[in-house]
Amino acid sequence: MQDVRKVDIEDNINRRRDRRRRKNMTGYYILVVVLAIAIAFSLSVTVLFNVTEVIVNGATGSRYSQSDIAASSGIKAKDNLVRMNTQKIREKMLEELLYVDDIAITKKFPDKVLIEVTPSIDIAYVECIGGYMIISEGWRITGHADAPDNKELMVINGFEAKSNEEKTVMTSEDNDKDQALKEILNEIKKQNIRNIVSIDISDKYDIVINYDNRIKIKIEKPNDIEYKLKYAYKIITEELRENKSGYLIYRNSLGYSYVSDEEYNRINHNTNNTYSSGDAPALTDPSVTGNAVTDTTQTTEVSESITSMVQTTVVTQ
């Protein structure tokens, strides 16, 4: 019995010793892992992942050279990628580089930085207090002018910009005008519509787009922009003669009505003479009464597929 009791006591002692040893080993392993992580982190922010090359894409067509863009970033050889704050660098570059719409900075481990630039391409003059501001495709304000002097740029009136400060992105006091103009400009670009001279968005429910200083496209409310522009451009390029000057007025389910400048001005003149200033209708379109203009002598020579509708001057799809 004494021998059995002695063995049990020794086994208990050995088990306790093993448990202590395992606990000690676990603590040792944890310490090793922590030290390894600390060493790796220290190396990563000192010796490893240091910049050896800055790559610039998108400088072609830009007013800035690759070296100008790289210098603006402030990134130097041996700068550490881990510690680098790309968002702050981007903000600094956009503040310095006026003619850039956007910048993307990507860390390419282990030792490179990629800077991708979207150059500003001016597209329009926008009416503002004191004259006009010049905006790019990305709506970045790139300059100012007393009056539009570059015929390659369209003119936008009635936008009600919040600010005309350079290097900022243009926005309107009216969110609806923001959205409407974005859709119109996007569709003009997407559909590759040429010869747009101006856009008047003073009344967001009666938007007027000037095509080639000949045809004023009245799209009314800013809905179905894609369809309205595609439809109007088809009529102008395929149905109207190049010497025609007048209005295409969109009237819901009836489609577009063409009215010559002479007829449009005559109706407006007669309307203004008929009513006193307090009683005159808010709109003096020929279509304000709900009926299309019926003067067939002013109706455009359209294709035979549309000629049957000429008596009401309604151009339908």
Protein backbone atom coordinates (compact mmCIF):
# COMPACT_ATOMS: atom_id res chain seq x y z
CA MET A 1 0.00 0.00 0.00
CA GLN A 2 2.82 2.36 0.81
CA ASP A 3 4.39 1.71 -2.61
CA VAL A 4 1.13 2.52 -4.41
CA ARG A 5 0.67 5.74 -2.44
CA LYS A 6 4.26 6.75 -3.21
CA VAL A 7 3.79 6.27 -6.95
CA ASP A 8 0.57 8.34 -6.94
CA ILE A 9 2.28 11.20 -5.19
CA GLU A 10 5.17 11.16 -7.67
CA ASP A 11 2.73 11.14 -10.63
CA ASN A 12 0.88 14.14 -9.24
CA ILE A 13 4.14 16.01 -8.82
CA ASN A 14 5.19 15.20 -12.40
CA ARG A 15 1.84 16.33 -13.81
CA ARG A 16 2.03 19.64 -11.97
CA ARG A 17 5.58 20.11 -13.20
CA ASP A 18 4.48 19.43 -16.81
CA ARG A 19 1.63 21.91 -16.53
CA ARG A 20 3.97 24.61 -15.26
CA ARG A 21 6.41 23.81 -18.07
CA ARG A 22 3.66 24.10 -20.70
CA LYS A 23 2.49 27.42 -19.24
CA ASN A 24 6.02 28.72 -19.31
CA MET A 25 6.44 27.58 -22.93
CA THR A 26 3.17 29.27 -23.95
CA GLY A 27 4.33 32.51 -22.41
CA TYR A 28 7.64 32.13 -24.20
CA TYR A 29 5.94 31.56 -27.56
CA ILE A 30 3.74 34.62 -27.06
CA LEU A 31 6.77 36.73 -26.21
CA VAL A 32 8.58 35.48 -29.33
CA VAL A 33 5.58 36.31 -31.54
CA VAL A 34 5.23 39.80 -30.04
CA LEU A 35 8.92 40.47 -30.50
CA ALA A 36 8.77 39.21 -34.09
CA ILE A 37 5.84 41.48 -34.88
CA ALA A 38 7.57 44.44 -33.30
CA ILE A 39 10.75 43.77 -35.26
CA ALA A 40 8.80 43.32 -38.52
CA PHE A 41 6.89 46.56 -37.96
CA SER A 42 10.05 48.43 -37.11
CA LEU A 43 11.72 47.16 -40.27
CA SER A 44 8.67 47.96 -42.40
CA VAL A 45 8.67 51.61 -41.37
CA THR A 46 12.43 52.06 -41.52
CA VAL A 47 14.37 49.68 -43.75
CA LEU A 48 11.71 47.83 -45.80
CA PHE A 49 9.10 49.26 -48.25
CA ASN A 50 10.97 52.45 -49.05
CA VAL A 51 10.20 54.22 -52.32
CA THR A 52 12.57 53.71 -55.22
CA GLU A 53 10.30 54.86 -58.08
CA VAL A 54 7.30 57.14 -58.66
CA ILE A 55 5.27 56.22 -61.76
CA VAL A 56 3.00 58.86 -63.34
CA ASN A 57 0.19 57.92 -65.74
CA GLY A 58 -2.19 60.28 -67.53
CA ALA A 59 0.18 63.16 -68.14
CA THR A 60 -0.39 62.91 -71.90
CA GLY A 61 -2.66 65.77 -72.90
CA SER A 62 -2.11 67.47 -69.57
CA ARG A 63 -0.61 70.91 -69.09
CA TYR A 64 1.86 69.34 -66.68
CA SER A 65 4.80 67.06 -67.40
CA GLN A 66 5.37 63.78 -65.57
CA SER A 67 8.19 65.39 -63.59
CA ASP A 68 5.95 68.34 -62.62
CA ILE A 69 3.29 65.96 -61.34
CA ALA A 70 5.78 63.80 -59.46
CA ALA A 71 7.35 66.90 -57.88
CA SER A 72 3.93 68.17 -56.80
CA SER A 73 3.35 64.93 -54.87
CA GLY A 74 6.34 65.65 -52.67
CA ILE A 75 7.19 61.93 -52.66
CA LYS A 76 10.94 61.34 -52.49
CA ALA A 77 13.22 58.35 -52.79
CA LYS A 78 13.40 56.34 -49.55
CA ASP A 79 10.04 57.67 -48.30
CA ASN A 80 8.32 54.82 -46.50
CA LEU A 81 5.21 53.31 -48.10
CA VAL A 82 3.71 52.14 -44.81
CA ARG A 83 3.84 55.59 -43.25
CA MET A 84 2.74 57.40 -46.42
CA ASN A 85 -0.68 59.15 -46.27
CA THR A 86 -1.88 59.04 -49.87
CA GLN A 87 -5.09 60.97 -49.16
CA LYS A 88 -3.20 63.98 -47.81
CA ILE A 89 -0.82 63.85 -50.77
CA ARG A 90 -3.79 63.78 -53.18
CA GLU A 91 -5.43 66.79 -51.50
CA LYS A 92 -2.15 68.73 -51.63
CA MET A 93 -1.70 67.98 -55.33
CA LEU A 94 -5.26 69.01 -56.24
CA GLU A 95 -4.69 72.28 -54.40
CA GLU A 96 -1.49 72.94 -56.35
CA LEU A 97 -2.42 71.67 -59.82
CA LEU A 98 -5.21 73.80 -61.27
CA TYR A 99 -5.67 71.89 -64.51
CA VAL A 100 -6.23 68.43 -63.04
CA ASP A 101 -9.70 66.98 -62.47
CA ASP A 102 -8.71 64.06 -60.29
CA ILE A 103 -5.72 62.16 -58.92
CA ALA A 104 -5.44 58.58 -57.68
CA ILE A 105 -2.37 57.46 -55.71
CA THR A 106 -1.67 53.77 -55.22
CA LYS A 107 1.08 52.11 -53.20
CA LYS A 108 2.77 49.35 -55.17
CA PHE A 109 4.62 47.25 -52.64
CA PRO A 110 7.45 46.73 -52.06
CA ASP A 111 8.92 50.02 -53.39
CA LYS A 112 6.81 51.90 -55.97
CA VAL A 113 4.08 54.56 -56.02
CA LEU A 114 1.64 54.94 -58.93
CA ILE A 115 0.08 58.39 -59.55
CA GLU A 116 -2.80 58.41 -62.06
CA VAL A 117 -3.91 61.83 -63.27
CA THR A 118 -7.13 62.90 -64.99
CA PRO A 119 -6.28 66.13 -66.84
CA SER A 120 -8.82 68.95 -66.91
CA ILE A 121 -10.47 69.49 -70.28
CA ASP A 122 -12.42 72.75 -70.41
CA ILE A 123 -15.97 72.32 -71.75
CA ALA A 124 -18.02 75.38 -70.84
CA TYR A 125 -18.39 78.91 -69.60
CA VAL A 126 -20.84 79.13 -66.71
CA GLU A 127 -22.56 82.39 -65.90
CA CYS A 128 -21.68 83.69 -62.44
CA ILE A 129 -21.47 86.92 -60.49
CA GLY A 130 -19.11 89.27 -62.32
CA GLY A 131 -18.94 87.30 -65.57
CA TYR A 132 -18.25 83.68 -66.33
CA MET A 133 -16.25 80.86 -64.84
CA ILE A 134 -14.64 78.14 -66.95
CA ILE A 135 -15.32 74.53 -65.97
CA SER A 136 -13.79 71.22 -66.99
CA GLU A 137 -15.42 67.88 -67.73
CA GLY A 138 -15.12 67.09 -64.04
CA TRP A 139 -16.85 70.41 -63.17
CA ARG A 140 -13.63 71.76 -61.70
CA ILE A 141 -13.41 75.54 -61.95
CA THR A 142 -10.26 76.31 -63.93
CA GLY A 143 -10.56 80.05 -64.63
CA HIS A 144 -12.71 83.15 -65.19
CA ALA A 145 -13.64 85.43 -68.06
CA ASP A 146 -15.55 88.67 -68.45
CA ALA A 147 -17.29 87.21 -71.47
CA PRO A 148 -17.11 83.95 -73.47
CA ASP A 149 -14.37 84.26 -76.08
CA ASN A 150 -13.64 80.63 -76.97
CA LYS A 151 -16.21 79.35 -79.44
CA GLU A 152 -15.14 75.78 -78.73
CA LEU A 153 -16.76 75.99 -75.29
CA MET A 154 -20.52 76.04 -74.73
CA VAL A 155 -22.14 78.66 -72.51
CA ILE A 156 -24.36 77.74 -69.56
CA ASN A 157 -26.77 80.32 -68.15
CA GLY A 158 -28.97 80.30 -65.07
CA PHE A 159 -27.08 77.61 -63.15
CA GLU A 160 -26.88 79.60 -59.87
CA ALA A 161 -23.43 78.39 -58.80
CA LYS A 162 -22.69 78.40 -55.08
CA SER A 163 -19.13 79.58 -55.61
CA ASN A 164 -16.82 80.58 -58.44
CA GLU A 165 -13.58 79.83 -56.57
CA GLU A 166 -10.88 78.24 -58.71
CA LYS A 167 -9.76 74.65 -57.96
CA THR A 168 -13.16 73.79 -56.49
CA VAL A 169 -15.86 71.60 -58.00
CA MET A 170 -18.85 73.57 -59.27
CA THR A 171 -22.22 73.05 -57.56
CA SER A 172 -25.55 74.85 -57.81
CA GLU A 173 -27.68 76.42 -55.12
CA ASP A 174 -30.45 74.25 -56.59
CA ASN A 175 -29.78 70.50 -56.39
CA ASP A 176 -32.27 69.87 -59.21
CA LYS A 177 -30.23 72.07 -61.54
CA ASP A 178 -27.10 70.20 -60.51
CA GLN A 179 -28.63 66.88 -61.49
CA ALA A 180 -30.28 68.16 -64.66
CA LEU A 181 -27.12 69.77 -66.04
CA LYS A 182 -25.03 66.68 -65.23
CA GLU A 183 -27.44 64.47 -67.14
CA ILE A 184 -27.54 66.83 -70.11
CA LEU A 185 -23.75 67.17 -70.35
CA ASN A 186 -23.25 63.44 -69.89
CA GLU A 187 -25.69 62.68 -72.69
CA ILE A 188 -24.16 65.28 -75.00
CA LYS A 189 -20.80 63.56 -74.52
CA LYS A 190 -22.19 60.03 -74.65
CA GLN A 191 -24.17 60.66 -77.84
CA ASN A 192 -21.31 62.68 -79.37
CA ILE A 193 -23.63 65.60 -80.13
CA ARG A 194 -21.74 68.42 -81.82
CA ASN A 195 -22.46 72.14 -82.19
CA ILE A 196 -24.16 72.75 -78.85
CA VAL A 197 -23.66 76.49 -78.34
CA SER A 198 -25.42 77.09 -75.04
CA ILE A 199 -27.71 75.69 -72.38
CA ASP A 200 -30.16 77.91 -70.52
CA ILE A 201 -31.24 76.33 -67.26
CA SER A 202 -32.64 79.50 -65.67
CA ASP A 203 -36.01 77.79 -65.46
CA LYS A 204 -35.42 74.14 -64.58
CA TYR A 205 -38.85 73.28 -65.95
CA ASP A 206 -38.22 75.00 -69.27
CA ILE A 207 -34.64 74.15 -70.24
CA VAL A 208 -33.44 75.46 -73.62
CA ILE A 209 -30.49 73.99 -75.53
CA ASN A 210 -29.09 76.07 -78.39
CA TYR A 211 -27.90 74.00 -81.35
CA ASP A 212 -25.59 75.74 -83.82
CA ASN A 213 -27.22 79.13 -83.12
CA ARG A 214 -30.08 77.93 -85.34
CA ILE A 215 -32.31 75.55 -83.39
CA LYS A 216 -33.43 76.11 -79.81
CA ILE A 217 -34.39 72.77 -78.28
CA LYS A 218 -36.94 73.25 -75.50
CA ILE A 219 -36.90 70.01 -73.53
CA GLU A 220 -39.13 71.34 -70.74
CA LYS A 221 -38.69 69.27 -67.58
CA PRO A 222 -35.33 67.55 -66.96
CA ASN A 223 -36.59 64.00 -67.38
CA ASP A 224 -35.95 61.42 -70.12
CA ILE A 225 -32.88 63.44 -71.13
CA GLU A 226 -31.31 60.61 -73.13
CA TYR A 227 -34.43 60.13 -75.25
CA LYS A 228 -35.15 63.84 -75.74
CA LEU A 229 -31.63 64.66 -76.94
CA LYS A 230 -31.37 61.63 -79.18
CA TYR A 231 -34.78 62.41 -80.70
CA ALA A 232 -34.03 66.11 -81.22
CA TYR A 233 -30.60 65.45 -82.74
CA LYS A 234 -32.12 62.96 -85.19
CA ILE A 235 -34.71 65.52 -86.31
CA ILE A 236 -32.11 68.28 -86.70
CA THR A 237 -29.58 66.19 -88.63
CA GLU A 238 -31.99 64.10 -90.72
CA GLU A 239 -35.19 66.12 -91.14
CA LEU A 240 -34.39 69.83 -90.98
CA ARG A 241 -32.56 71.74 -93.68
CA GLU A 242 -29.34 73.41 -92.64
CA ASN A 243 -30.76 76.88 -93.31
CA LYS A 244 -33.70 76.39 -90.94
CA SER A 245 -33.78 78.47 -87.78
CA GLY A 246 -36.36 78.07 -85.08
CA TYR A 247 -37.53 76.03 -82.11
CA LEU A 248 -38.05 72.37 -81.38
CA ILE A 249 -40.57 72.28 -78.56
CA TYR A 250 -41.12 69.02 -76.71
CA ARG A 251 -44.75 68.38 -75.79
CA ASN A 252 -45.01 65.12 -73.83
CA SER A 253 -46.70 62.34 -75.83
CA LEU A 254 -46.89 64.49 -78.99
CA GLY A 255 -43.13 64.64 -79.33
CA TYR A 256 -41.43 67.70 -80.83
CA SER A 257 -43.08 70.60 -82.66
CA TYR A 258 -40.96 72.71 -84.99
CA VAL A 259 -41.71 76.45 -85.07
CA SER A 260 -39.74 79.00 -87.06
CA ASP A 261 -38.16 81.99 -85.37
CA GLU A 262 -40.58 84.31 -87.18
CA GLU A 263 -43.65 82.42 -86.05
CA TYR A 264 -42.38 82.03 -82.50
CA ASN A 265 -41.63 85.74 -82.21
CA ARG A 266 -44.96 86.70 -83.80
CA ILE A 267 -46.95 84.61 -81.33
CA ASN A 268 -44.96 85.97 -78.40
CA HIS A 269 -45.45 89.51 -79.66
CA ASN A 270 -49.18 89.04 -80.12
CA THR A 271 -49.52 87.41 -76.71
CA ASN A 272 -47.67 90.22 -74.99
CA ASN A 273 -49.86 92.80 -76.73
CA THR A 274 -53.06 90.97 -75.89
CA TYR A 275 -52.49 90.65 -72.16
CA SER A 276 -51.55 93.22 -69.61
CA SER A 277 -48.33 92.54 -67.76
CA GLY A 278 -50.24 91.22 -64.78
CA ASP A 279 -52.41 88.85 -66.82
CA ALA A 280 -49.93 87.50 -69.33
CA PRO A 281 -49.26 83.72 -69.23
CA ALA A 282 -46.06 82.62 -67.53
CA LEU A 283 -45.01 80.87 -70.75
CA THR A 284 -45.47 82.31 -74.22
CA ASP A 285 -44.57 79.19 -76.19
CA PRO A 286 -46.69 78.48 -79.26
CA SER A 287 -47.50 75.24 -77.45
CA VAL A 288 -48.76 76.90 -74.25
CA THR A 289 -52.40 76.48 -75.27
CA GLY A 290 -51.96 72.75 -75.70
CA ASN A 291 -52.24 72.92 -79.51
CA ALA A 292 -49.34 72.90 -81.91
CA VAL A 293 -48.79 75.78 -84.31
CA THR A 294 -50.93 75.35 -87.45
CA ASP A 295 -49.19 77.71 -89.89
CA THR A 296 -48.04 75.18 -92.45
CA THR A 297 -46.10 77.82 -94.39
CA GLN A 298 -43.59 77.91 -91.52
CA THR A 299 -43.39 74.17 -91.13
CA THR A 300 -40.14 72.46 -91.95
CA GLU A 301 -39.68 70.26 -94.99
CA VAL A 302 -39.51 66.92 -93.24
CA SER A 303 -39.18 63.46 -94.70
CA GLU A 304 -42.17 61.71 -96.22
CA SER A 305 -42.54 59.58 -93.10
CA ILE A 306 -43.34 62.77 -91.18
CA THR A 307 -45.03 64.85 -93.89
CA SER A 308 -48.47 63.54 -92.97
CA MET A 309 -48.13 65.29 -89.62
CA VAL A 310 -47.12 68.67 -91.07
CA GLN A 311 -50.58 70.24 -90.77
CA THR A 312 -50.14 70.33 -86.99
CA THR A 313 -46.34 70.90 -87.11
CA VAL A 314 -45.91 68.03 -84.69
CA VAL A 315 -42.81 65.99 -85.40
CA THR A 316 -43.33 62.52 -83.93
CA GLN A 317 -41.04 59.57 -83.79
